């Protein structure tokens, strides 16, 4: 069985928070309940794909649906004359989510920390919109962080209520965000984490960017504080690639973290991405390290 994302709607009597502000409990051992050894953030627990799962990616109603719902907004810059490549945009969106999760304003007593906790206590929705020209400049005027990839630019904002988008973002287009790679992406570096996309879905670029963000977040929740710091200091190197069908079957059977889409948009509920190699972040070679370009 694979592991699926689970956000923090549960509480335990002796709850604590780690250095990043996430609730800490112990990992589930099979179906037997909580083990008090080997603590991990509650935000990602090892759960099986049964009907009792409360994953934020499931389409069935769960306890977290009763919490106020928030969404993490991302905006990708797509100029008509010079759009970014698809893979560059996917990887930059994933890194943008990691930057938001690790930013000092998102944890502890930071100015965004309450919104981040409220967002993680419900379904961890992400919505990617697109902007160009004056739209992009207005988006950059709002509190957030712009992350730059090869040519892609993605701005991530602190979570907002599901029905409380800032007007500068609410008017931006969501559907139909499509991008192409000028050339097929090369093989992923085996030293860095890889977010593998389900080859049978045909999701739009915008939808896949949101799913890549989910996958990056699952990887983050799996890591220790030391591993998280090492990954950030290295610039959050990662790759997003579409798996071959045979490889996809292997990945989904290996017990790796899975993103299961709730089926709200574009596709039916099901597994969209698999996270592979996230444990490698503690020993990343110099060739995969890259500076974080933020503004």
C-alpha atoms as a PDB file:
ATOM      1  CA  UNK A   1       0.000   0.000   0.000  1.00  0.00           C
ATOM      2  CA  UNK A   2       1.201   3.508  -0.711  1.00  0.00           C
ATOM      3  CA  UNK A   3       1.203   6.455   1.615  1.00  0.00           C
ATOM      4  CA  UNK A   4      -1.188   9.297   0.981  1.00  0.00           C
ATOM      5  CA  UNK A   5      -1.192  12.849   2.245  1.00  0.00           C
ATOM      6  CA  UNK A   6      -3.016  13.628   5.444  1.00  0.00           C
ATOM      7  CA  UNK A   7      -3.398  17.084   6.953  1.00  0.00           C
ATOM      8  CA  UNK A   8      -3.812  18.026  10.571  1.00  0.00           C
ATOM      9  CA  UNK A   9      -7.497  17.784  11.402  1.00  0.00           C
ATOM     10  CA  UNK A  10      -6.721  15.350  14.236  1.00  0.00           C
ATOM     11  CA  UNK A  11      -5.372  16.217  17.652  1.00  0.00           C
ATOM     12  CA  UNK A  12      -3.754  14.038  20.274  1.00  0.00           C
ATOM     13  CA  UNK A  13      -3.617  14.744  24.017  1.00  0.00           C
ATOM     14  CA  UNK A  14       0.131  15.364  24.128  1.00  0.00           C
ATOM     15  CA  UNK A  15       0.465  17.161  20.810  1.00  0.00           C
ATOM     16  CA  UNK A  16       3.644  19.132  20.135  1.00  0.00           C
ATOM     17  CA  UNK A  17       5.039  21.104  17.234  1.00  0.00           C
ATOM     18  CA  UNK A  18       8.360  20.698  15.488  1.00  0.00           C
ATOM     19  CA  UNK A  19      10.768  23.491  14.618  1.00  0.00           C
ATOM     20  CA  UNK A  20       8.701  24.327  11.544  1.00  0.00           C
ATOM     21  CA  UNK A  21       5.452  24.724  13.463  1.00  0.00           C
ATOM     22  CA  UNK A  22       3.892  21.412  12.355  1.00  0.00           C
ATOM     23  CA  UNK A  23       2.123  19.140  14.797  1.00  0.00           C
ATOM     24  CA  UNK A  24       4.243  16.145  15.744  1.00  0.00           C
ATOM     25  CA  UNK A  25       2.904  12.706  16.536  1.00  0.00           C
ATOM     26  CA  UNK A  26       4.226   9.279  15.681  1.00  0.00           C
ATOM     27  CA  UNK A  27       3.906   7.422  12.441  1.00  0.00           C
ATOM     28  CA  UNK A  28       1.178   4.843  12.010  1.00  0.00           C
ATOM     29  CA  UNK A  29       2.473   1.286  12.115  1.00  0.00           C
ATOM     30  CA  UNK A  30       0.317  -0.758   9.777  1.00  0.00           C
ATOM     31  CA  UNK A  31      -3.290  -0.667  11.012  1.00  0.00           C
ATOM     32  CA  UNK A  32      -2.465  -0.965  14.681  1.00  0.00           C
ATOM     33  CA  UNK A  33      -2.541   2.712  15.697  1.00  0.00           C
ATOM     34  CA  UNK A  34       0.017   5.286  16.792  1.00  0.00           C
ATOM     35  CA  UNK A  35       3.520   4.254  17.788  1.00  0.00           C
ATOM     36  CA  UNK A  36       5.307   6.589  20.210  1.00  0.00           C
ATOM     37  CA  UNK A  37       8.666   6.004  18.564  1.00  0.00           C
ATOM     38  CA  UNK A  38      10.076   7.670  15.464  1.00  0.00           C
ATOM     39  CA  UNK A  39       7.970  10.851  15.584  1.00  0.00           C
ATOM     40  CA  UNK A  40       6.867  12.455  12.335  1.00  0.00           C
ATOM     41  CA  UNK A  41       4.678  15.446  11.548  1.00  0.00           C
ATOM     42  CA  UNK A  42       0.967  14.692  11.750  1.00  0.00           C
ATOM     43  CA  UNK A  43       0.613  16.464   8.438  1.00  0.00           C
ATOM     44  CA  UNK A  44       1.750  13.273   6.673  1.00  0.00           C
ATOM     45  CA  UNK A  45       0.982   9.917   8.240  1.00  0.00           C
ATOM     46  CA  UNK A  46       1.412   6.462   6.759  1.00  0.00           C
ATOM     47  CA  UNK A  47      -2.120   5.328   6.063  1.00  0.00           C
ATOM     48  CA  UNK A  48      -3.483   2.617   3.841  1.00  0.00           C
ATOM     49  CA  UNK A  49      -5.936   3.144   1.015  1.00  0.00           C
ATOM     50  CA  UNK A  50      -9.021   2.103   2.934  1.00  0.00           C
ATOM     51  CA  UNK A  51     -12.351   3.825   3.478  1.00  0.00           C
ATOM     52  CA  UNK A  52     -11.319   5.185   6.867  1.00  0.00           C
ATOM     53  CA  UNK A  53      -8.550   7.383   5.478  1.00  0.00           C
ATOM     54  CA  UNK A  54      -8.945  11.108   6.088  1.00  0.00           C
ATOM     55  CA  UNK A  55      -6.491  12.197   3.412  1.00  0.00           C
ATOM     56  CA  UNK A  56      -6.976  15.768   2.160  1.00  0.00           C
ATOM     57  CA  UNK A  57      -6.900  14.292  -1.338  1.00  0.00           C
ATOM     58  CA  UNK A  58      -9.913  12.019  -0.944  1.00  0.00           C
ATOM     59  CA  UNK A  59     -13.246  12.896  -2.561  1.00  0.00           C
ATOM     60  CA  UNK A  60     -15.306  11.344   0.257  1.00  0.00           C
ATOM     61  CA  UNK A  61     -16.481  13.642   3.086  1.00  0.00           C
ATOM     62  CA  UNK A  62     -14.190  13.720   6.124  1.00  0.00           C
ATOM     63  CA  UNK A  63     -13.843  15.547   9.439  1.00  0.00           C
ATOM     64  CA  UNK A  64     -11.587  18.189   7.908  1.00  0.00           C
ATOM     65  CA  UNK A  65     -14.468  19.282   5.658  1.00  0.00           C
ATOM     66  CA  UNK A  66     -16.081  20.878   8.725  1.00  0.00           C
ATOM     67  CA  UNK A  67     -13.093  23.191   9.195  1.00  0.00           C
ATOM     68  CA  UNK A  68     -12.972  26.571   7.404  1.00  0.00           C
ATOM     69  CA  UNK A  69     -11.553  25.936   3.946  1.00  0.00           C
ATOM     70  CA  UNK A  70      -8.496  27.754   2.636  1.00  0.00           C
ATOM     71  CA  UNK A  71      -6.567  27.630  -0.616  1.00  0.00           C
ATOM     72  CA  UNK A  72      -2.905  28.279  -1.416  1.00  0.00           C
ATOM     73  CA  UNK A  73      -2.823  30.610  -4.452  1.00  0.00           C
ATOM     74  CA  UNK A  74      -0.069  30.333  -7.047  1.00  0.00           C
ATOM     75  CA  UNK A  75       0.268  32.519 -10.128  1.00  0.00           C
ATOM     76  CA  UNK A  76       2.469  31.577 -13.069  1.00  0.00           C
ATOM     77  CA  UNK A  77       3.722  34.278 -15.400  1.00  0.00           C
ATOM     78  CA  UNK A  78       2.885  33.432 -19.018  1.00  0.00           C
ATOM     79  CA  UNK A  79       3.716  36.188 -21.490  1.00  0.00           C
ATOM     80  CA  UNK A  80       2.304  35.581 -24.955  1.00  0.00           C
ATOM     81  CA  UNK A  81       5.606  36.115 -26.721  1.00  0.00           C
ATOM     82  CA  UNK A  82       7.768  34.173 -24.291  1.00  0.00           C
ATOM     83  CA  UNK A  83       5.962  31.484 -22.266  1.00  0.00           C
ATOM     84  CA  UNK A  84       8.002  29.206 -20.008  1.00  0.00           C
ATOM     85  CA  UNK A  85       8.496  25.540 -20.779  1.00  0.00           C
ATOM     86  CA  UNK A  86       6.072  23.117 -19.170  1.00  0.00           C
ATOM     87  CA  UNK A  87       8.614  21.155 -17.109  1.00  0.00           C
ATOM     88  CA  UNK A  88      10.298  24.359 -15.933  1.00  0.00           C
ATOM     89  CA  UNK A  89       6.917  25.670 -14.758  1.00  0.00           C
ATOM     90  CA  UNK A  90       6.032  22.407 -12.983  1.00  0.00           C
ATOM     91  CA  UNK A  91       9.322  22.293 -11.114  1.00  0.00           C
ATOM     92  CA  UNK A  92       9.177  25.988 -10.223  1.00  0.00           C
ATOM     93  CA  UNK A  93       5.652  25.600  -8.827  1.00  0.00           C
ATOM     94  CA  UNK A  94       6.778  22.664  -6.676  1.00  0.00           C
ATOM     95  CA  UNK A  95       9.723  24.679  -5.375  1.00  0.00           C
ATOM     96  CA  UNK A  96       7.441  27.662  -4.698  1.00  0.00           C
ATOM     97  CA  UNK A  97       5.313  25.527  -2.375  1.00  0.00           C
ATOM     98  CA  UNK A  98       8.445  24.402  -0.528  1.00  0.00           C
ATOM     99  CA  UNK A  99       9.629  27.998  -0.221  1.00  0.00           C
ATOM    100  CA  UNK A 100       6.290  28.997   1.317  1.00  0.00           C
ATOM    101  CA  UNK A 101       6.337  26.060   3.752  1.00  0.00           C
ATOM    102  CA  UNK A 102       9.857  26.923   4.935  1.00  0.00           C
ATOM    103  CA  UNK A 103       9.580  30.718   5.023  1.00  0.00           C
ATOM    104  CA  UNK A 104      10.010  32.220   8.489  1.00  0.00           C
ATOM    105  CA  UNK A 105       6.721  34.083   8.070  1.00  0.00           C
ATOM    106  CA  UNK A 106       4.887  30.747   7.703  1.00  0.00           C
ATOM    107  CA  UNK A 107       5.950  29.183  11.004  1.00  0.00           C
ATOM    108  CA  UNK A 108       5.927  29.932  14.701  1.00  0.00           C
ATOM    109  CA  UNK A 109       4.602  33.431  15.304  1.00  0.00           C
ATOM    110  CA  UNK A 110       5.166  34.555  11.720  1.00  0.00           C
ATOM    111  CA  UNK A 111       2.624  36.793  10.040  1.00  0.00           C
ATOM    112  CA  UNK A 112       1.414  33.970   7.769  1.00  0.00           C
ATOM    113  CA  UNK A 113       1.611  31.156  10.337  1.00  0.00           C
ATOM    114  CA  UNK A 114      -2.043  31.223  11.415  1.00  0.00           C
ATOM    115  CA  UNK A 115      -3.264  31.100   7.813  1.00  0.00           C
ATOM    116  CA  UNK A 116      -0.864  28.239   7.079  1.00  0.00           C
ATOM    117  CA  UNK A 117      -2.096  26.237  10.066  1.00  0.00           C
ATOM    118  CA  UNK A 118      -5.737  26.838   9.167  1.00  0.00           C
ATOM    119  CA  UNK A 119      -5.029  25.759   5.588  1.00  0.00           C
ATOM    120  CA  UNK A 120      -3.264  22.575   6.671  1.00  0.00           C
ATOM    121  CA  UNK A 121      -6.076  21.731   9.091  1.00  0.00           C
ATOM    122  CA  UNK A 122      -8.492  21.461   6.151  1.00  0.00           C
ATOM    123  CA  UNK A 123      -8.003  20.128   2.631  1.00  0.00           C
ATOM    124  CA  UNK A 124      -4.687  21.474   1.368  1.00  0.00           C
ATOM    125  CA  UNK A 125      -6.120  23.006  -1.779  1.00  0.00           C
ATOM    126  CA  UNK A 126      -3.849  24.718  -4.282  1.00  0.00           C
ATOM    127  CA  UNK A 127      -5.041  26.720  -7.282  1.00  0.00           C
ATOM    128  CA  UNK A 128      -2.763  27.919 -10.074  1.00  0.00           C
ATOM    129  CA  UNK A 129      -3.779  30.984 -12.075  1.00  0.00           C
ATOM    130  CA  UNK A 130      -1.923  32.672 -14.911  1.00  0.00           C
ATOM    131  CA  UNK A 131      -1.006  36.301 -15.495  1.00  0.00           C
ATOM    132  CA  UNK A 132       0.912  38.493 -17.912  1.00  0.00           C
ATOM    133  CA  UNK A 133       1.832  42.141 -18.275  1.00  0.00           C
ATOM    134  CA  UNK A 134      -0.063  44.445 -15.930  1.00  0.00           C
ATOM    135  CA  UNK A 135      -1.851  41.467 -14.343  1.00  0.00           C
ATOM    136  CA  UNK A 136       1.479  40.037 -13.274  1.00  0.00           C
ATOM    137  CA  UNK A 137       2.698  43.377 -11.934  1.00  0.00           C
ATOM    138  CA  UNK A 138      -0.452  43.738  -9.841  1.00  0.00           C
ATOM    139  CA  UNK A 139      -0.004  40.202  -8.494  1.00  0.00           C
ATOM    140  CA  UNK A 140       3.566  41.010  -7.511  1.00  0.00           C
ATOM    141  CA  UNK A 141       2.242  43.935  -5.497  1.00  0.00           C
ATOM    142  CA  UNK A 142       0.515  41.547  -3.082  1.00  0.00           C
ATOM    143  CA  UNK A 143       2.275  39.880  -0.163  1.00  0.00           C
ATOM    144  CA  UNK A 144       3.900  36.681  -1.397  1.00  0.00           C
ATOM    145  CA  UNK A 145       7.109  35.204  -2.801  1.00  0.00           C
ATOM    146  CA  UNK A 146       8.153  34.941  -6.448  1.00  0.00           C
ATOM    147  CA  UNK A 147      10.292  31.904  -7.253  1.00  0.00           C
ATOM    148  CA  UNK A 148      12.282  31.827 -10.490  1.00  0.00           C
ATOM    149  CA  UNK A 149      13.249  28.651 -12.326  1.00  0.00           C
ATOM    150  CA  UNK A 150      15.083  28.401 -15.634  1.00  0.00           C
ATOM    151  CA  UNK A 151      12.737  30.884 -17.303  1.00  0.00           C
ATOM    152  CA  UNK A 152       9.557  30.238 -15.327  1.00  0.00           C
ATOM    153  CA  UNK A 153       8.312  32.628 -12.662  1.00  0.00           C
ATOM    154  CA  UNK A 154       5.748  31.508 -10.088  1.00  0.00           C
ATOM    155  CA  UNK A 155       4.463  33.680  -7.264  1.00  0.00           C
ATOM    156  CA  UNK A 156       3.025  31.918  -4.218  1.00  0.00           C
ATOM    157  CA  UNK A 157       0.821  33.683  -1.702  1.00  0.00           C
ATOM    158  CA  UNK A 158      -0.204  32.860   1.870  1.00  0.00           C
ATOM    159  CA  UNK A 159      -3.456  30.878   2.061  1.00  0.00           C
ATOM    160  CA  UNK A 160      -6.749  32.725   1.655  1.00  0.00           C
ATOM    161  CA  UNK A 161     -10.326  31.637   2.435  1.00  0.00           C
ATOM    162  CA  UNK A 162     -11.852  29.598  -0.360  1.00  0.00           C
ATOM    163  CA  UNK A 163     -14.322  32.398  -1.090  1.00  0.00           C
ATOM    164  CA  UNK A 164     -12.016  35.268  -0.089  1.00  0.00           C
ATOM    165  CA  UNK A 165      -9.539  35.688  -2.937  1.00  0.00           C
ATOM    166  CA  UNK A 166      -7.987  39.160  -3.336  1.00  0.00           C
ATOM    167  CA  UNK A 167      -9.595  40.874  -6.310  1.00  0.00           C
ATOM    168  CA  UNK A 168      -6.220  41.144  -8.064  1.00  0.00           C
ATOM    169  CA  UNK A 169      -6.020  37.333  -8.098  1.00  0.00           C
ATOM    170  CA  UNK A 170      -9.696  36.421  -8.390  1.00  0.00           C
ATOM    171  CA  UNK A 171      -9.915  37.912 -11.883  1.00  0.00           C
ATOM    172  CA  UNK A 172      -7.001  35.842 -13.219  1.00  0.00           C
ATOM    173  CA  UNK A 173      -7.727  32.843 -15.444  1.00  0.00           C
ATOM    174  CA  UNK A 174      -7.537  29.316 -14.057  1.00  0.00           C
ATOM    175  CA  UNK A 175      -8.722  26.934 -16.761  1.00  0.00           C
ATOM    176  CA  UNK A 176      -6.876  26.294 -19.976  1.00  0.00           C
ATOM    177  CA  UNK A 177      -3.365  26.951 -18.694  1.00  0.00           C
ATOM    178  CA  UNK A 178      -1.313  24.959 -21.195  1.00  0.00           C
ATOM    179  CA  UNK A 179       2.422  24.943 -21.791  1.00  0.00           C
ATOM    180  CA  UNK A 180       4.767  22.874 -23.930  1.00  0.00           C
ATOM    181  CA  UNK A 181       8.389  21.878 -23.625  1.00  0.00           C
ATOM    182  CA  UNK A 182      10.487  23.135 -26.553  1.00  0.00           C
ATOM    183  CA  UNK A 183      12.428  19.865 -26.286  1.00  0.00           C
ATOM    184  CA  UNK A 184      11.749  16.677 -24.328  1.00  0.00           C
ATOM    185  CA  UNK A 185      13.119  17.036 -20.783  1.00  0.00           C
ATOM    186  CA  UNK A 186      16.262  15.078 -20.082  1.00  0.00           C
ATOM    187  CA  UNK A 187      16.567  12.261 -17.602  1.00  0.00           C
ATOM    188  CA  UNK A 188      16.049  13.281 -13.990  1.00  0.00           C
ATOM    189  CA  UNK A 189      19.191  13.460 -11.872  1.00  0.00           C
ATOM    190  CA  UNK A 190      19.077  10.364  -9.641  1.00  0.00           C
ATOM    191  CA  UNK A 191      20.623  12.330  -6.760  1.00  0.00           C
ATOM    192  CA  UNK A 192      17.597  14.591  -6.229  1.00  0.00           C
ATOM    193  CA  UNK A 193      13.923  13.894  -5.482  1.00  0.00           C
ATOM    194  CA  UNK A 194      11.715  13.117  -8.473  1.00  0.00           C
ATOM    195  CA  UNK A 195       7.990  13.834  -8.633  1.00  0.00           C
ATOM    196  CA  UNK A 196       6.579  11.294 -11.082  1.00  0.00           C
ATOM    197  CA  UNK A 197       3.402  12.165 -12.979  1.00  0.00           C
ATOM    198  CA  UNK A 198       0.762   9.568 -13.840  1.00  0.00           C
ATOM    199  CA  UNK A 199       1.165   8.980 -17.610  1.00  0.00           C
ATOM    200  CA  UNK A 200      -2.501   8.159 -18.170  1.00  0.00           C
ATOM    201  CA  UNK A 201      -4.183  11.421 -17.165  1.00  0.00           C
ATOM    202  CA  UNK A 202      -3.307  14.187 -19.639  1.00  0.00           C
ATOM    203  CA  UNK A 203      -3.752  17.014 -17.107  1.00  0.00           C
ATOM    204  CA  UNK A 204      -3.386  20.656 -18.116  1.00  0.00           C
ATOM    205  CA  UNK A 205      -0.185  22.435 -17.136  1.00  0.00           C
ATOM    206  CA  UNK A 206      -2.008  24.418 -14.454  1.00  0.00           C
ATOM    207  CA  UNK A 207      -3.558  21.317 -12.917  1.00  0.00           C
ATOM    208  CA  UNK A 208      -0.234  19.484 -12.990  1.00  0.00           C
ATOM    209  CA  UNK A 209       1.509  22.435 -11.330  1.00  0.00           C
ATOM    210  CA  UNK A 210      -0.923  22.200  -8.419  1.00  0.00           C
ATOM    211  CA  UNK A 211      -0.398  18.442  -8.205  1.00  0.00           C
ATOM    212  CA  UNK A 212       3.391  18.886  -8.257  1.00  0.00           C
ATOM    213  CA  UNK A 213       2.958  21.299  -5.363  1.00  0.00           C
ATOM    214  CA  UNK A 214       1.021  18.630  -3.453  1.00  0.00           C
ATOM    215  CA  UNK A 215       3.798  16.114  -4.099  1.00  0.00           C
ATOM    216  CA  UNK A 216       6.498  18.509  -2.927  1.00  0.00           C
ATOM    217  CA  UNK A 217       4.502  19.152   0.240  1.00  0.00           C
ATOM    218  CA  UNK A 218       4.209  15.425   0.950  1.00  0.00           C
ATOM    219  CA  UNK A 219       7.978  15.089   0.569  1.00  0.00           C
ATOM    220  CA  UNK A 220       8.503  18.018   2.957  1.00  0.00           C
ATOM    221  CA  UNK A 221       6.251  16.507   5.611  1.00  0.00           C
ATOM    222  CA  UNK A 222       8.207  13.245   5.465  1.00  0.00           C
ATOM    223  CA  UNK A 223      11.544  14.877   6.311  1.00  0.00           C
ATOM    224  CA  UNK A 224      13.297  15.629   9.571  1.00  0.00           C
ATOM    225  CA  UNK A 225      14.183  19.209  10.487  1.00  0.00           C
ATOM    226  CA  UNK A 226      17.787  18.557   9.458  1.00  0.00           C
ATOM    227  CA  UNK A 227      16.748  17.150   6.089  1.00  0.00           C
ATOM    228  CA  UNK A 228      14.455  20.115   5.483  1.00  0.00           C
ATOM    229  CA  UNK A 229      17.228  22.603   6.212  1.00  0.00           C
ATOM    230  CA  UNK A 230      19.618  20.747   3.925  1.00  0.00           C
ATOM    231  CA  UNK A 231      17.076  20.754   1.097  1.00  0.00           C
ATOM    232  CA  UNK A 232      16.367  24.466   1.443  1.00  0.00           C
ATOM    233  CA  UNK A 233      20.058  25.350   1.675  1.00  0.00           C
ATOM    234  CA  UNK A 234      20.600  23.422  -1.571  1.00  0.00           C
ATOM    235  CA  UNK A 235      17.843  25.462  -3.283  1.00  0.00           C
ATOM    236  CA  UNK A 236      15.194  22.719  -3.233  1.00  0.00           C
ATOM    237  CA  UNK A 237      16.534  20.724  -6.202  1.00  0.00           C
ATOM    238  CA  UNK A 238      13.937  18.362  -7.647  1.00  0.00           C
ATOM    239  CA  UNK A 239      12.642  17.086 -10.967  1.00  0.00           C
ATOM    240  CA  UNK A 240       9.151  16.547 -12.340  1.00  0.00           C
ATOM    241  CA  UNK A 241       8.860  13.867 -14.998  1.00  0.00           C
ATOM    242  CA  UNK A 242       6.090  11.784 -16.540  1.00  0.00           C
ATOM    243  CA  UNK A 243       6.625   8.112 -15.787  1.00  0.00           C
ATOM    244  CA  UNK A 244       6.495   5.392 -18.398  1.00  0.00           C
ATOM    245  CA  UNK A 245       3.475   3.113 -17.793  1.00  0.00           C
ATOM    246  CA  UNK A 246       5.565   0.203 -16.550  1.00  0.00           C
ATOM    247  CA  UNK A 247       7.605   2.414 -14.271  1.00  0.00           C
ATOM    248  CA  UNK A 248       4.394   3.993 -12.931  1.00  0.00           C
ATOM    249  CA  UNK A 249       3.075   0.595 -11.870  1.00  0.00           C
ATOM    250  CA  UNK A 250       6.328  -0.085 -10.019  1.00  0.00           C
ATOM    251  CA  UNK A 251       6.317   3.298  -8.283  1.00  0.00           C
ATOM    252  CA  UNK A 252       2.742   3.005  -7.048  1.00  0.00           C
ATOM    253  CA  UNK A 253       3.477  -0.431  -5.574  1.00  0.00           C
ATOM    254  CA  UNK A 254       6.634   0.627  -3.697  1.00  0.00           C
ATOM    255  CA  UNK A 255       5.038   2.256  -0.654  1.00  0.00           C
ATOM    256  CA  UNK A 256       6.114   5.757  -1.700  1.00  0.00           C
ATOM    257  CA  UNK A 257       4.144   8.936  -0.877  1.00  0.00           C
ATOM    258  CA  UNK A 258       1.231   9.318  -3.301  1.00  0.00           C
ATOM    259  CA  UNK A 259      -0.892  12.281  -4.301  1.00  0.00           C
ATOM    260  CA  UNK A 260      -4.518  11.246  -4.657  1.00  0.00           C
ATOM    261  CA  UNK A 261      -6.571  13.941  -6.357  1.00  0.00           C
ATOM    262  CA  UNK A 262     -10.014  14.529  -4.879  1.00  0.00           C
ATOM    263  CA  UNK A 263     -11.520  14.906  -8.343  1.00  0.00           C
ATOM    264  CA  UNK A 264     -12.820  18.473  -7.991  1.00  0.00           C
ATOM    265  CA  UNK A 265     -11.461  19.586 -11.401  1.00  0.00           C
ATOM    266  CA  UNK A 266     -10.443  18.046 -14.749  1.00  0.00           C
ATOM    267  CA  UNK A 267     -10.020  14.418 -13.682  1.00  0.00           C
ATOM    268  CA  UNK A 268     -11.751  11.704 -11.672  1.00  0.00           C
ATOM    269  CA  UNK A 269     -10.444  10.947  -8.171  1.00  0.00           C
ATOM    270  CA  UNK A 270      -7.253   8.919  -8.242  1.00  0.00           C
ATOM    271  CA  UNK A 271      -3.469   8.908  -7.932  1.00  0.00           C
ATOM    272  CA  UNK A 272      -1.744  11.673  -9.886  1.00  0.00           C
ATOM    273  CA  UNK A 273       1.865  11.777  -8.668  1.00  0.00           C
ATOM    274  CA  UNK A 274       4.362   9.655  -6.763  1.00  0.00           C
ATOM    275  CA  UNK A 275       7.249  11.118  -4.736  1.00  0.00           C
ATOM    276  CA  UNK A 276      10.504   9.195  -5.160  1.00  0.00           C
ATOM    277  CA  UNK A 277      13.931   9.874  -3.666  1.00  0.00           C
ATOM    278  CA  UNK A 278      12.965  12.472  -1.064  1.00  0.00           C
ATOM    279  CA  UNK A 279      15.290  10.844   1.471  1.00  0.00           C
ATOM    280  CA  UNK A 280      18.250  11.822  -0.717  1.00  0.00           C
ATOM    281  CA  UNK A 281      18.032  15.482   0.302  1.00  0.00           C
ATOM    282  CA  UNK A 282      20.385  14.947   3.233  1.00  0.00           C
ATOM    283  CA  UNK A 283      23.325  14.158   0.931  1.00  0.00           C
ATOM    284  CA  UNK A 284      22.839  16.192  -2.240  1.00  0.00           C
ATOM    285  CA  UNK A 285      25.946  16.500  -4.453  1.00  0.00           C
ATOM    286  CA  UNK A 286      27.138  19.962  -5.563  1.00  0.00           C
ATOM    287  CA  UNK A 287      25.919  19.438  -9.136  1.00  0.00           C
ATOM    288  CA  UNK A 288      22.251  19.549  -8.127  1.00  0.00           C
ATOM    289  CA  UNK A 289      22.531  22.495  -5.759  1.00  0.00           C
ATOM    290  CA  UNK A 290      21.152  25.790  -7.009  1.00  0.00           C
ATOM    291  CA  UNK A 291      20.596  29.172  -5.386  1.00  0.00           C
ATOM    292  CA  UNK A 292      17.035  30.146  -4.566  1.00  0.00           C
ATOM    293  CA  UNK A 293      16.065  33.168  -6.669  1.00  0.00           C
ATOM    294  CA  UNK A 294      13.272  34.864  -4.734  1.00  0.00           C
ATOM    295  CA  UNK A 295      11.595  38.231  -4.627  1.00  0.00           C
END
